[in-house]
Amino acid sequence: MLSMHIPEDLIAVHVPTEDLGDYNLTQTGWYAVDDGGKVVLGPFESLAQCDRAIRERLQPTTGV
């Protein structure tokens, strides 16, 4: 049985044009990157939007 790696930590990273290839991306912007260096969310226009998405992603879900 394969288990998915669940990131323990996500950080917001701004990826400029010159670094797009390093992340295998085509758009500049803010991205959420996991502790393994994998882009998980994005792109976002602002750090605030990226941070909000990270908080929502890491927030435990409740069975409501």
N, C-alpha and C. Protein backbone atom coordinates (compact mmCIF):
# COMPACT_ATOMS: atom_id res chain seq x y z
N MET A 1 0.84 -1.19 0.00
CA MET A 1 0.00 0.00 0.00
C MET A 1 0.88 1.25 0.00
N LEU A 2 0.60 2.15 -0.90
CA LEU A 2 1.36 3.38 -0.99
C LEU A 2 0.74 4.43 -0.08
N SER A 3 1.58 5.17 0.59
CA SER A 3 1.06 6.25 1.41
C SER A 3 1.54 7.57 0.82
N MET A 4 0.66 8.54 0.84
CA MET A 4 1.03 9.86 0.35
C MET A 4 1.83 10.59 1.41
N HIS A 5 2.86 11.30 0.96
CA HIS A 5 3.62 12.12 1.88
C HIS A 5 2.79 13.34 2.24
N ILE A 6 2.53 13.50 3.51
CA ILE A 6 1.79 14.67 3.98
C ILE A 6 2.80 15.67 4.50
N PRO A 7 2.87 16.84 3.87
CA PRO A 7 3.87 17.81 4.31
C PRO A 7 3.63 18.25 5.73
N GLU A 8 4.71 18.29 6.48
CA GLU A 8 4.61 18.75 7.86
C GLU A 8 4.71 20.26 7.93
N ASP A 9 5.28 20.85 6.91
CA ASP A 9 5.49 22.29 6.93
C ASP A 9 5.39 22.81 5.50
N LEU A 10 4.76 23.94 5.35
CA LEU A 10 4.71 24.63 4.07
C LEU A 10 5.24 26.04 4.28
N ILE A 11 6.02 26.51 3.32
CA ILE A 11 6.52 27.88 3.39
C ILE A 11 6.13 28.62 2.12
N ALA A 12 5.97 29.92 2.24
CA ALA A 12 5.66 30.76 1.09
C ALA A 12 6.97 31.19 0.44
N VAL A 13 7.04 31.02 -0.88
CA VAL A 13 8.24 31.36 -1.63
C VAL A 13 7.83 32.20 -2.83
N HIS A 14 8.52 33.33 -3.03
CA HIS A 14 8.28 34.11 -4.24
C HIS A 14 9.23 33.60 -5.32
N VAL A 15 8.67 33.21 -6.46
CA VAL A 15 9.47 32.68 -7.56
C VAL A 15 9.50 33.71 -8.69
N PRO A 16 10.66 34.36 -8.89
CA PRO A 16 10.79 35.31 -9.99
C PRO A 16 11.07 34.59 -11.31
N THR A 17 11.01 35.31 -12.40
CA THR A 17 11.19 34.74 -13.73
C THR A 17 12.45 33.89 -13.84
N GLU A 18 13.56 34.38 -13.32
CA GLU A 18 14.83 33.67 -13.48
C GLU A 18 14.88 32.34 -12.71
N ASP A 19 13.96 32.12 -11.78
CA ASP A 19 13.96 30.87 -11.00
C ASP A 19 12.84 29.90 -11.39
N LEU A 20 12.06 30.24 -12.41
CA LEU A 20 10.93 29.39 -12.80
C LEU A 20 11.38 27.96 -13.11
N GLY A 21 12.47 27.81 -13.82
CA GLY A 21 12.96 26.48 -14.20
C GLY A 21 13.36 25.64 -13.01
N ASP A 22 13.84 26.27 -11.95
CA ASP A 22 14.25 25.53 -10.74
C ASP A 22 13.07 24.80 -10.11
N TYR A 23 11.88 25.36 -10.27
CA TYR A 23 10.68 24.77 -9.68
C TYR A 23 9.77 24.12 -10.73
N ASN A 24 10.23 24.09 -11.99
CA ASN A 24 9.44 23.54 -13.09
C ASN A 24 8.09 24.26 -13.22
N LEU A 25 8.14 25.59 -13.17
CA LEU A 25 6.94 26.42 -13.24
C LEU A 25 6.97 27.28 -14.49
N THR A 26 5.82 27.82 -14.86
CA THR A 26 5.74 28.70 -16.02
C THR A 26 5.28 30.11 -15.67
N GLN A 27 4.84 30.32 -14.41
CA GLN A 27 4.35 31.64 -13.99
C GLN A 27 5.10 32.11 -12.76
N THR A 28 5.42 33.39 -12.74
CA THR A 28 6.00 33.97 -11.53
C THR A 28 4.89 34.16 -10.50
N GLY A 29 5.28 34.30 -9.25
CA GLY A 29 4.30 34.54 -8.19
C GLY A 29 4.71 33.90 -6.90
N TRP A 30 3.80 33.92 -5.95
CA TRP A 30 4.00 33.30 -4.64
C TRP A 30 3.47 31.88 -4.67
N TYR A 31 4.25 30.96 -4.13
CA TYR A 31 3.89 29.54 -4.10
C TYR A 31 4.11 28.98 -2.70
N ALA A 32 3.32 27.99 -2.34
CA ALA A 32 3.54 27.24 -1.11
C ALA A 32 4.39 26.03 -1.47
N VAL A 33 5.52 25.89 -0.79
CA VAL A 33 6.46 24.81 -1.05
C VAL A 33 6.55 23.96 0.21
N ASP A 34 6.51 22.62 0.04
CA ASP A 34 6.56 21.74 1.21
C ASP A 34 7.99 21.51 1.67
N ASP A 35 8.12 20.76 2.76
CA ASP A 35 9.43 20.53 3.35
C ASP A 35 10.35 19.67 2.48
N GLY A 36 9.82 19.13 1.39
CA GLY A 36 10.63 18.38 0.44
C GLY A 36 10.99 19.19 -0.80
N GLY A 37 10.60 20.47 -0.81
CA GLY A 37 10.91 21.34 -1.93
C GLY A 37 9.91 21.27 -3.08
N LYS A 38 8.78 20.59 -2.86
CA LYS A 38 7.76 20.44 -3.90
C LYS A 38 6.74 21.57 -3.81
N VAL A 39 6.41 22.17 -4.95
CA VAL A 39 5.38 23.20 -4.99
C VAL A 39 4.03 22.54 -4.79
N VAL A 40 3.28 23.03 -3.81
CA VAL A 40 2.00 22.43 -3.44
C VAL A 40 0.83 23.32 -3.85
N LEU A 41 0.96 24.62 -3.69
CA LEU A 41 -0.12 25.56 -4.00
C LEU A 41 0.43 26.76 -4.75
N GLY A 42 -0.41 27.37 -5.57
CA GLY A 42 -0.02 28.61 -6.22
C GLY A 42 -0.22 28.55 -7.72
N PRO A 43 0.02 29.63 -8.40
CA PRO A 43 0.62 30.87 -7.92
C PRO A 43 -0.41 31.81 -7.30
N PHE A 44 0.09 32.66 -6.43
CA PHE A 44 -0.72 33.69 -5.79
C PHE A 44 -0.10 35.04 -6.11
N GLU A 45 -0.94 36.07 -6.15
CA GLU A 45 -0.46 37.41 -6.46
C GLU A 45 0.25 38.07 -5.29
N SER A 46 -0.06 37.62 -4.06
CA SER A 46 0.54 38.27 -2.90
C SER A 46 0.93 37.25 -1.84
N LEU A 47 1.83 37.67 -0.98
CA LEU A 47 2.24 36.84 0.15
C LEU A 47 1.05 36.56 1.06
N ALA A 48 0.19 37.55 1.26
CA ALA A 48 -0.98 37.37 2.12
C ALA A 48 -1.91 36.27 1.59
N GLN A 49 -2.14 36.25 0.28
CA GLN A 49 -2.98 35.20 -0.30
C GLN A 49 -2.34 33.83 -0.13
N CYS A 50 -1.04 33.75 -0.33
CA CYS A 50 -0.32 32.49 -0.19
C CYS A 50 -0.37 32.01 1.26
N ASP A 51 -0.11 32.90 2.20
CA ASP A 51 -0.16 32.54 3.62
C ASP A 51 -1.55 32.04 4.02
N ARG A 52 -2.59 32.69 3.53
CA ARG A 52 -3.96 32.27 3.84
C ARG A 52 -4.21 30.85 3.31
N ALA A 53 -3.77 30.57 2.10
CA ALA A 53 -3.96 29.24 1.52
C ALA A 53 -3.18 28.18 2.30
N ILE A 54 -1.99 28.53 2.77
CA ILE A 54 -1.20 27.60 3.58
C ILE A 54 -1.93 27.29 4.88
N ARG A 55 -2.43 28.32 5.55
CA ARG A 55 -3.15 28.10 6.81
C ARG A 55 -4.36 27.20 6.59
N GLU A 56 -5.11 27.46 5.52
CA GLU A 56 -6.30 26.64 5.23
C GLU A 56 -5.91 25.20 4.91
N ARG A 57 -4.81 25.01 4.21
CA ARG A 57 -4.36 23.66 3.84
C ARG A 57 -3.91 22.86 5.06
N LEU A 58 -3.25 23.53 6.00
CA LEU A 58 -2.71 22.83 7.16
C LEU A 58 -3.69 22.73 8.32
N GLN A 59 -4.80 23.48 8.24
CA GLN A 59 -5.80 23.47 9.30
C GLN A 59 -6.49 22.11 9.33
N PRO A 60 -6.56 21.49 10.50
CA PRO A 60 -7.25 20.20 10.58
C PRO A 60 -8.72 20.36 10.21
N THR A 61 -9.24 19.39 9.48
CA THR A 61 -10.65 19.44 9.11
C THR A 61 -11.48 18.77 10.19
N THR A 62 -12.67 19.29 10.38
CA THR A 62 -13.58 18.71 11.36
C THR A 62 -14.75 18.11 10.63
N GLY A 63 -15.26 17.04 11.15
CA GLY A 63 -16.40 16.37 10.53
C GLY A 63 -17.70 17.03 10.90
N VAL A 64 -18.00 18.16 10.25
CA VAL A 64 -19.22 18.90 10.54
C VAL A 64 -20.30 18.49 9.59
